[in-house]
Amino acid sequence: MRTLLHELVDPLRDHGRALAITGAALALLLVYLEAGQRGFFLAHLAPRLSWSRAAPGADYWAALYQFGAAALLFLAVPLLTRRLWTGQSLAELGLGLGDRRVGFLLIVPAGLLLVSIPGALSAAFMPEFQAEYPLAKSAAASAGWFALYELAYGLLYYIPYEAFFRGFLQGSLQKQLGPAAAVCIQTAVTTLLHLGKPQGEIWSALLAGFVFGAVVLRTRSVWPILIVHWALGTLTDLGCAWSAGRF
């Protein structure tokens, strides 16, 4: 019996930190999915402000709520607790500038030309993407509101997203399990997060998980991928709103 217990416990002891990191990440993700979405805001918080789902601008503030929840759960909490569950520096987690020559002089221009612009152009003419983006349709009411929306989208959503999944999660698991396993786990989580999105986006998230994860390994930084990802999201919003005649 004692031998059996050792056989069960020893592997857990060896990978205890990896289990803790993965569990903490999944817990934060579940909180985000349960209480950090636009639907939660519209169902539970908007009525307290005497708003209905159809109230002018309600979808705008619901989207900002979702972005704010991402900033809290995916950036603020991990930053405040990182010493407890990683013990690594920000640079080790990919939040430094890394290899700036490869990252910013090679990856960013190539990513914009090969990923952001073509991806946004193709999505702009697909009805399922037009129905999904921008998340707040009222953002296209004016150029000013749209610019503020995209700024919030990048600062409060894309930065926390990349910092959390390709920084904290992948970066910390890389030290514990190795780069291949870290990229695979990060890719699985980010792909599943896209369930409910247009089908093309789900498959793109699967491919991007591997490619973006590999780029972060090479450049030791999430920032080049962040720029490419943020540009893709902004251009997709712009193209979809324009094609749907919302401007």
C-alpha atoms as a PDB file:
ATOM      1  CA  MET A   1       0.000   0.000   0.000  1.00  0.00           C
ATOM      2  CA  ARG A   2       2.798   2.404   0.912  1.00  0.00           C
ATOM      3  CA  THR A   3       4.532   1.663  -2.397  1.00  0.00           C
ATOM      4  CA  LEU A   4       1.307   2.348  -4.264  1.00  0.00           C
ATOM      5  CA  LEU A   5       0.852   5.666  -2.465  1.00  0.00           C
ATOM      6  CA  HIS A   6       4.409   6.670  -3.312  1.00  0.00           C
ATOM      7  CA  GLU A   7       3.795   5.813  -6.966  1.00  0.00           C
ATOM      8  CA  LEU A   8       0.739   8.063  -6.960  1.00  0.00           C
ATOM      9  CA  VAL A   9       2.132  10.929  -4.921  1.00  0.00           C
ATOM     10  CA  ASP A  10       5.696  11.190  -6.198  1.00  0.00           C
ATOM     11  CA  PRO A  11       4.761  12.350  -9.727  1.00  0.00           C
ATOM     12  CA  LEU A  12       2.431  14.940  -8.206  1.00  0.00           C
ATOM     13  CA  ARG A  13       5.222  16.144  -5.939  1.00  0.00           C
ATOM     14  CA  ASP A  14       7.588  16.429  -8.897  1.00  0.00           C
ATOM     15  CA  HIS A  15       5.119  18.525 -10.872  1.00  0.00           C
ATOM     16  CA  GLY A  16       3.341  20.207  -7.981  1.00  0.00           C
ATOM     17  CA  ARG A  17       4.164  23.732  -9.100  1.00  0.00           C
ATOM     18  CA  ALA A  18       2.988  23.002 -12.650  1.00  0.00           C
ATOM     19  CA  LEU A  19      -0.288  21.653 -11.277  1.00  0.00           C
ATOM     20  CA  ALA A  20      -0.706  24.731  -9.081  1.00  0.00           C
ATOM     21  CA  ILE A  21      -0.007  27.081 -11.998  1.00  0.00           C
ATOM     22  CA  THR A  22      -2.430  25.285 -14.295  1.00  0.00           C
ATOM     23  CA  GLY A  23      -5.099  25.130 -11.600  1.00  0.00           C
ATOM     24  CA  ALA A  24      -4.756  28.820 -10.769  1.00  0.00           C
ATOM     25  CA  ALA A  25      -4.929  29.756 -14.435  1.00  0.00           C
ATOM     26  CA  LEU A  26      -8.046  27.659 -15.003  1.00  0.00           C
ATOM     27  CA  ALA A  27      -9.688  29.116 -11.899  1.00  0.00           C
ATOM     28  CA  LEU A  28      -9.116  32.663 -13.141  1.00  0.00           C
ATOM     29  CA  LEU A  29     -10.392  31.658 -16.563  1.00  0.00           C
ATOM     30  CA  LEU A  30     -13.567  30.164 -15.093  1.00  0.00           C
ATOM     31  CA  VAL A  31     -14.257  33.326 -13.092  1.00  0.00           C
ATOM     32  CA  TYR A  32     -13.815  35.329 -16.283  1.00  0.00           C
ATOM     33  CA  LEU A  33     -16.184  33.080 -18.232  1.00  0.00           C
ATOM     34  CA  GLU A  34     -18.807  33.075 -15.478  1.00  0.00           C
ATOM     35  CA  ALA A  35     -18.743  36.660 -14.242  1.00  0.00           C
ATOM     36  CA  GLY A  36     -16.580  38.649 -16.651  1.00  0.00           C
ATOM     37  CA  GLN A  37     -18.655  38.494 -19.809  1.00  0.00           C
ATOM     38  CA  ARG A  38     -20.901  41.056 -21.440  1.00  0.00           C
ATOM     39  CA  GLY A  39     -23.919  38.844 -20.795  1.00  0.00           C
ATOM     40  CA  PHE A  40     -23.257  38.913 -17.036  1.00  0.00           C
ATOM     41  CA  PHE A  41     -23.080  42.700 -17.098  1.00  0.00           C
ATOM     42  CA  LEU A  42     -26.326  43.038 -19.067  1.00  0.00           C
ATOM     43  CA  ALA A  43     -28.174  40.471 -16.956  1.00  0.00           C
ATOM     44  CA  HIS A  44     -27.018  41.432 -13.472  1.00  0.00           C
ATOM     45  CA  LEU A  45     -25.400  44.858 -13.417  1.00  0.00           C
ATOM     46  CA  ALA A  46     -27.148  46.880 -16.099  1.00  0.00           C
ATOM     47  CA  PRO A  47     -30.597  46.533 -14.439  1.00  0.00           C
ATOM     48  CA  ARG A  48     -29.145  48.140 -11.305  1.00  0.00           C
ATOM     49  CA  LEU A  49     -28.389  51.152 -13.507  1.00  0.00           C
ATOM     50  CA  SER A  50     -31.911  51.009 -14.942  1.00  0.00           C
ATOM     51  CA  TRP A  51     -30.544  49.890 -18.318  1.00  0.00           C
ATOM     52  CA  SER A  52     -32.065  47.289 -20.558  1.00  0.00           C
ATOM     53  CA  ARG A  53     -30.203  45.261 -23.138  1.00  0.00           C
ATOM     54  CA  ALA A  54     -31.657  47.534 -25.816  1.00  0.00           C
ATOM     55  CA  ALA A  55     -30.669  50.785 -24.069  1.00  0.00           C
ATOM     56  CA  PRO A  56     -28.487  53.040 -26.235  1.00  0.00           C
ATOM     57  CA  GLY A  57     -24.836  52.334 -25.512  1.00  0.00           C
ATOM     58  CA  ALA A  58     -25.535  49.387 -23.198  1.00  0.00           C
ATOM     59  CA  ASP A  59     -23.493  47.052 -25.398  1.00  0.00           C
ATOM     60  CA  TYR A  60     -20.606  49.551 -25.326  1.00  0.00           C
ATOM     61  CA  TRP A  61     -20.391  49.580 -21.550  1.00  0.00           C
ATOM     62  CA  ALA A  62     -20.926  45.827 -21.432  1.00  0.00           C
ATOM     63  CA  ALA A  63     -17.874  45.370 -23.659  1.00  0.00           C
ATOM     64  CA  LEU A  64     -15.816  47.727 -21.493  1.00  0.00           C
ATOM     65  CA  TYR A  65     -16.891  45.707 -18.464  1.00  0.00           C
ATOM     66  CA  GLN A  66     -15.636  42.535 -20.151  1.00  0.00           C
ATOM     67  CA  PHE A  67     -12.323  44.180 -21.019  1.00  0.00           C
ATOM     68  CA  GLY A  68     -11.976  45.431 -17.445  1.00  0.00           C
ATOM     69  CA  ALA A  69     -12.651  41.945 -16.088  1.00  0.00           C
ATOM     70  CA  ALA A  70      -9.890  40.585 -18.338  1.00  0.00           C
ATOM     71  CA  ALA A  71      -7.482  43.264 -17.093  1.00  0.00           C
ATOM     72  CA  LEU A  72      -8.249  42.376 -13.479  1.00  0.00           C
ATOM     73  CA  LEU A  73      -8.176  38.592 -13.778  1.00  0.00           C
ATOM     74  CA  PHE A  74      -5.541  38.116 -16.477  1.00  0.00           C
ATOM     75  CA  LEU A  75      -3.088  40.863 -15.543  1.00  0.00           C
ATOM     76  CA  ALA A  76      -3.615  42.467 -12.134  1.00  0.00           C
ATOM     77  CA  VAL A  77      -4.139  39.253 -10.151  1.00  0.00           C
ATOM     78  CA  PRO A  78      -1.242  37.334 -11.766  1.00  0.00           C
ATOM     79  CA  LEU A  79       1.089  40.318 -11.313  1.00  0.00           C
ATOM     80  CA  LEU A  80       0.204  40.631  -7.637  1.00  0.00           C
ATOM     81  CA  THR A  81       0.555  36.917  -6.952  1.00  0.00           C
ATOM     82  CA  ARG A  82       3.264  35.839  -9.401  1.00  0.00           C
ATOM     83  CA  ARG A  83       5.870  35.258  -6.683  1.00  0.00           C
ATOM     84  CA  LEU A  84       3.553  32.702  -5.125  1.00  0.00           C
ATOM     85  CA  TRP A  85       2.913  30.634  -8.221  1.00  0.00           C
ATOM     86  CA  THR A  86       5.898  31.174 -10.500  1.00  0.00           C
ATOM     87  CA  GLY A  87       8.822  32.723  -8.632  1.00  0.00           C
ATOM     88  CA  GLN A  88      10.064  34.050 -11.979  1.00  0.00           C
ATOM     89  CA  SER A  89      10.938  37.534 -13.142  1.00  0.00           C
ATOM     90  CA  LEU A  90       8.757  39.367 -15.649  1.00  0.00           C
ATOM     91  CA  ALA A  91      11.449  38.926 -18.296  1.00  0.00           C
ATOM     92  CA  GLU A  92      11.452  35.160 -17.726  1.00  0.00           C
ATOM     93  CA  LEU A  93       7.689  35.174 -18.241  1.00  0.00           C
ATOM     94  CA  GLY A  94       8.018  36.909 -21.602  1.00  0.00           C
ATOM     95  CA  LEU A  95       6.952  40.340 -20.360  1.00  0.00           C
ATOM     96  CA  GLY A  96      10.278  41.969 -21.160  1.00  0.00           C
ATOM     97  CA  LEU A  97      11.374  43.155 -24.595  1.00  0.00           C
ATOM     98  CA  GLY A  98      13.381  39.999 -25.326  1.00  0.00           C
ATOM     99  CA  ASP A  99      15.142  39.811 -28.677  1.00  0.00           C
ATOM    100  CA  ARG A 100      14.120  43.216 -30.016  1.00  0.00           C
ATOM    101  CA  ARG A 101      15.779  42.808 -33.398  1.00  0.00           C
ATOM    102  CA  VAL A 102      13.892  39.632 -34.279  1.00  0.00           C
ATOM    103  CA  GLY A 103      10.710  40.571 -32.444  1.00  0.00           C
ATOM    104  CA  PHE A 104      10.112  44.131 -33.555  1.00  0.00           C
ATOM    105  CA  LEU A 105      12.076  44.383 -36.801  1.00  0.00           C
ATOM    106  CA  LEU A 106      11.121  40.998 -38.236  1.00  0.00           C
ATOM    107  CA  ILE A 107       8.087  39.464 -36.499  1.00  0.00           C
ATOM    108  CA  VAL A 108       5.949  42.591 -36.236  1.00  0.00           C
ATOM    109  CA  PRO A 109       6.193  43.707 -39.905  1.00  0.00           C
ATOM    110  CA  ALA A 110       5.820  40.111 -41.138  1.00  0.00           C
ATOM    111  CA  GLY A 111       2.875  39.508 -38.811  1.00  0.00           C
ATOM    112  CA  LEU A 112       1.088  42.667 -39.903  1.00  0.00           C
ATOM    113  CA  LEU A 113       1.534  41.870 -43.595  1.00  0.00           C
ATOM    114  CA  LEU A 114       0.866  38.132 -43.428  1.00  0.00           C
ATOM    115  CA  VAL A 115      -1.597  37.824 -40.557  1.00  0.00           C
ATOM    116  CA  SER A 116      -3.297  41.039 -39.405  1.00  0.00           C
ATOM    117  CA  ILE A 117      -4.193  42.647 -42.724  1.00  0.00           C
ATOM    118  CA  PRO A 118      -5.164  39.497 -44.696  1.00  0.00           C
ATOM    119  CA  GLY A 119      -7.055  38.059 -41.717  1.00  0.00           C
ATOM    120  CA  ALA A 120      -9.056  41.226 -41.175  1.00  0.00           C
ATOM    121  CA  LEU A 121      -9.844  41.632 -44.870  1.00  0.00           C
ATOM    122  CA  SER A 122     -11.153  38.080 -45.184  1.00  0.00           C
ATOM    123  CA  ALA A 123     -13.221  38.356 -41.990  1.00  0.00           C
ATOM    124  CA  ALA A 124     -14.765  41.670 -43.045  1.00  0.00           C
ATOM    125  CA  PHE A 125     -16.782  40.011 -45.807  1.00  0.00           C
ATOM    126  CA  MET A 126     -18.011  37.016 -43.796  1.00  0.00           C
ATOM    127  CA  PRO A 127     -21.528  37.431 -42.332  1.00  0.00           C
ATOM    128  CA  GLU A 128     -20.667  35.450 -39.199  1.00  0.00           C
ATOM    129  CA  PHE A 129     -17.794  37.833 -38.417  1.00  0.00           C
ATOM    130  CA  GLN A 130     -19.923  40.882 -39.198  1.00  0.00           C
ATOM    131  CA  ALA A 131     -22.476  39.603 -36.685  1.00  0.00           C
ATOM    132  CA  GLU A 132     -19.802  39.110 -34.016  1.00  0.00           C
ATOM    133  CA  TYR A 133     -17.576  42.173 -34.434  1.00  0.00           C
ATOM    134  CA  PRO A 134     -17.183  44.700 -33.077  1.00  0.00           C
ATOM    135  CA  LEU A 135     -18.431  43.224 -29.815  1.00  0.00           C
ATOM    136  CA  ALA A 136     -20.119  46.574 -29.135  1.00  0.00           C
ATOM    137  CA  LYS A 137     -21.972  47.490 -32.313  1.00  0.00           C
ATOM    138  CA  SER A 138     -22.631  50.999 -30.970  1.00  0.00           C
ATOM    139  CA  ALA A 139     -18.863  51.627 -31.005  1.00  0.00           C
ATOM    140  CA  ALA A 140     -19.237  52.512 -34.681  1.00  0.00           C
ATOM    141  CA  ALA A 141     -21.609  55.367 -33.880  1.00  0.00           C
ATOM    142  CA  SER A 142     -18.747  57.852 -34.248  1.00  0.00           C
ATOM    143  CA  ALA A 143     -15.044  57.877 -34.980  1.00  0.00           C
ATOM    144  CA  GLY A 144     -14.279  59.120 -31.470  1.00  0.00           C
ATOM    145  CA  TRP A 145     -16.246  56.384 -29.724  1.00  0.00           C
ATOM    146  CA  PHE A 146     -14.693  53.782 -32.008  1.00  0.00           C
ATOM    147  CA  ALA A 147     -11.148  55.004 -31.283  1.00  0.00           C
ATOM    148  CA  LEU A 148     -11.757  54.933 -27.524  1.00  0.00           C
ATOM    149  CA  TYR A 149     -13.279  51.473 -27.805  1.00  0.00           C
ATOM    150  CA  GLU A 150     -10.291  50.071 -29.712  1.00  0.00           C
ATOM    151  CA  LEU A 151      -7.869  51.699 -27.283  1.00  0.00           C
ATOM    152  CA  ALA A 152      -9.671  50.034 -24.378  1.00  0.00           C
ATOM    153  CA  TYR A 153      -9.777  46.774 -26.357  1.00  0.00           C
ATOM    154  CA  GLY A 154      -6.009  46.778 -26.665  1.00  0.00           C
ATOM    155  CA  LEU A 155      -5.024  48.061 -23.233  1.00  0.00           C
ATOM    156  CA  LEU A 156      -7.601  46.199 -21.155  1.00  0.00           C
ATOM    157  CA  TYR A 157      -8.048  43.010 -23.170  1.00  0.00           C
ATOM    158  CA  TYR A 158      -5.223  42.226 -25.584  1.00  0.00           C
ATOM    159  CA  ILE A 159      -2.387  43.129 -23.223  1.00  0.00           C
ATOM    160  CA  PRO A 160      -3.846  41.028 -20.358  1.00  0.00           C
ATOM    161  CA  TYR A 161      -4.681  38.199 -22.789  1.00  0.00           C
ATOM    162  CA  GLU A 162      -1.163  37.861 -24.156  1.00  0.00           C
ATOM    163  CA  ALA A 163       0.481  38.520 -20.792  1.00  0.00           C
ATOM    164  CA  PHE A 164      -1.624  35.822 -19.158  1.00  0.00           C
ATOM    165  CA  PHE A 165      -1.755  33.004 -21.693  1.00  0.00           C
ATOM    166  CA  ARG A 166       1.531  33.383 -23.539  1.00  0.00           C
ATOM    167  CA  GLY A 167       3.324  35.035 -20.630  1.00  0.00           C
ATOM    168  CA  PHE A 168       2.299  33.766 -17.202  1.00  0.00           C
ATOM    169  CA  LEU A 169       0.855  30.409 -18.270  1.00  0.00           C
ATOM    170  CA  GLN A 170       3.246  29.410 -21.043  1.00  0.00           C
ATOM    171  CA  GLY A 171       6.275  31.074 -19.489  1.00  0.00           C
ATOM    172  CA  SER A 172       5.867  29.452 -16.091  1.00  0.00           C
ATOM    173  CA  LEU A 173       4.961  26.008 -17.465  1.00  0.00           C
ATOM    174  CA  GLN A 174       7.956  26.161 -19.778  1.00  0.00           C
ATOM    175  CA  LYS A 175      10.240  26.161 -16.753  1.00  0.00           C
ATOM    176  CA  GLN A 176       8.351  23.295 -15.127  1.00  0.00           C
ATOM    177  CA  LEU A 177       7.450  21.049 -18.069  1.00  0.00           C
ATOM    178  CA  GLY A 178       9.552  22.205 -21.005  1.00  0.00           C
ATOM    179  CA  PRO A 179       8.710  24.414 -24.005  1.00  0.00           C
ATOM    180  CA  ALA A 180       6.749  21.866 -26.059  1.00  0.00           C
ATOM    181  CA  ALA A 181       4.330  20.982 -23.260  1.00  0.00           C
ATOM    182  CA  ALA A 182       3.947  24.652 -22.298  1.00  0.00           C
ATOM    183  CA  VAL A 183       2.986  25.663 -25.840  1.00  0.00           C
ATOM    184  CA  CYS A 184       0.570  22.735 -26.158  1.00  0.00           C
ATOM    185  CA  ILE A 185      -1.219  23.547 -22.891  1.00  0.00           C
ATOM    186  CA  GLN A 186      -1.405  27.254 -23.744  1.00  0.00           C
ATOM    187  CA  THR A 187      -2.770  26.418 -27.194  1.00  0.00           C
ATOM    188  CA  ALA A 188      -5.416  24.071 -25.793  1.00  0.00           C
ATOM    189  CA  VAL A 189      -6.648  26.691 -23.328  1.00  0.00           C
ATOM    190  CA  THR A 190      -6.700  29.616 -25.773  1.00  0.00           C
ATOM    191  CA  THR A 191      -8.428  27.528 -28.440  1.00  0.00           C
ATOM    192  CA  LEU A 192     -11.176  26.404 -26.067  1.00  0.00           C
ATOM    193  CA  LEU A 193     -11.634  30.014 -24.960  1.00  0.00           C
ATOM    194  CA  HIS A 194     -12.748  30.789 -28.526  1.00  0.00           C
ATOM    195  CA  LEU A 195     -15.622  28.296 -28.524  1.00  0.00           C
ATOM    196  CA  GLY A 196     -18.788  30.117 -29.536  1.00  0.00           C
ATOM    197  CA  LYS A 197     -16.904  32.390 -31.907  1.00  0.00           C
ATOM    198  CA  PRO A 198     -17.138  32.053 -35.720  1.00  0.00           C
ATOM    199  CA  GLN A 199     -15.791  28.700 -36.830  1.00  0.00           C
ATOM    200  CA  GLY A 200     -12.951  30.249 -38.807  1.00  0.00           C
ATOM    201  CA  GLU A 201     -11.794  32.069 -35.688  1.00  0.00           C
ATOM    202  CA  ILE A 202     -11.706  28.861 -33.640  1.00  0.00           C
ATOM    203  CA  TRP A 203      -9.453  27.125 -36.168  1.00  0.00           C
ATOM    204  CA  SER A 204      -7.338  30.252 -36.463  1.00  0.00           C
ATOM    205  CA  ALA A 205      -6.935  30.309 -32.679  1.00  0.00           C
ATOM    206  CA  LEU A 206      -5.644  26.723 -32.797  1.00  0.00           C
ATOM    207  CA  LEU A 207      -3.034  27.595 -35.407  1.00  0.00           C
ATOM    208  CA  ALA A 208      -2.164  30.886 -33.725  1.00  0.00           C
ATOM    209  CA  GLY A 209      -1.667  29.148 -30.391  1.00  0.00           C
ATOM    210  CA  PHE A 210       1.180  27.082 -31.784  1.00  0.00           C
ATOM    211  CA  VAL A 211       2.677  29.794 -34.011  1.00  0.00           C
ATOM    212  CA  PHE A 212       2.391  32.658 -31.521  1.00  0.00           C
ATOM    213  CA  GLY A 213       3.625  30.407 -28.735  1.00  0.00           C
ATOM    214  CA  ALA A 214       6.683  29.435 -30.775  1.00  0.00           C
ATOM    215  CA  VAL A 215       7.392  33.078 -31.584  1.00  0.00           C
ATOM    216  CA  VAL A 216       7.273  33.978 -27.899  1.00  0.00           C
ATOM    217  CA  LEU A 217       9.738  31.176 -27.196  1.00  0.00           C
ATOM    218  CA  ARG A 218      12.087  32.523 -29.877  1.00  0.00           C
ATOM    219  CA  THR A 219      11.829  36.203 -29.027  1.00  0.00           C
ATOM    220  CA  ARG A 220      11.386  35.739 -25.257  1.00  0.00           C
ATOM    221  CA  SER A 221       8.680  38.392 -25.369  1.00  0.00           C
ATOM    222  CA  VAL A 222       4.908  38.592 -25.823  1.00  0.00           C
ATOM    223  CA  TRP A 223       5.018  42.176 -27.105  1.00  0.00           C
ATOM    224  CA  PRO A 224       5.632  41.521 -30.830  1.00  0.00           C
ATOM    225  CA  ILE A 225       2.756  39.024 -30.908  1.00  0.00           C
ATOM    226  CA  LEU A 226       0.616  41.437 -28.919  1.00  0.00           C
ATOM    227  CA  ILE A 227       1.044  44.125 -31.586  1.00  0.00           C
ATOM    228  CA  VAL A 228       0.094  41.688 -34.343  1.00  0.00           C
ATOM    229  CA  HIS A 229      -2.907  40.358 -32.397  1.00  0.00           C
ATOM    230  CA  TRP A 230      -4.163  43.830 -31.426  1.00  0.00           C
ATOM    231  CA  ALA A 231      -3.838  45.031 -35.014  1.00  0.00           C
ATOM    232  CA  LEU A 232      -5.786  41.994 -36.224  1.00  0.00           C
ATOM    233  CA  GLY A 233      -8.593  42.685 -33.747  1.00  0.00           C
ATOM    234  CA  THR A 234      -8.785  46.406 -34.523  1.00  0.00           C
ATOM    235  CA  LEU A 235      -8.712  45.924 -38.293  1.00  0.00           C
ATOM    236  CA  THR A 236     -11.334  43.166 -38.040  1.00  0.00           C
ATOM    237  CA  ASP A 237     -13.631  45.472 -36.067  1.00  0.00           C
ATOM    238  CA  LEU A 238     -13.072  48.247 -38.588  1.00  0.00           C
ATOM    239  CA  GLY A 239     -13.631  46.022 -41.609  1.00  0.00           C
ATOM    240  CA  CYS A 240     -16.702  44.285 -40.212  1.00  0.00           C
ATOM    241  CA  ALA A 241     -18.327  47.544 -39.099  1.00  0.00           C
ATOM    242  CA  TRP A 242     -17.620  49.114 -42.481  1.00  0.00           C
ATOM    243  CA  SER A 243     -18.890  46.139 -44.488  1.00  0.00           C
ATOM    244  CA  ALA A 244     -22.048  45.927 -42.382  1.00  0.00           C
ATOM    245  CA  GLY A 245     -22.730  49.631 -42.918  1.00  0.00           C
ATOM    246  CA  ARG A 246     -22.545  50.570 -39.251  1.00  0.00           C
ATOM    247  CA  PHE A 247     -20.426  53.698 -39.710  1.00  0.00           C
END
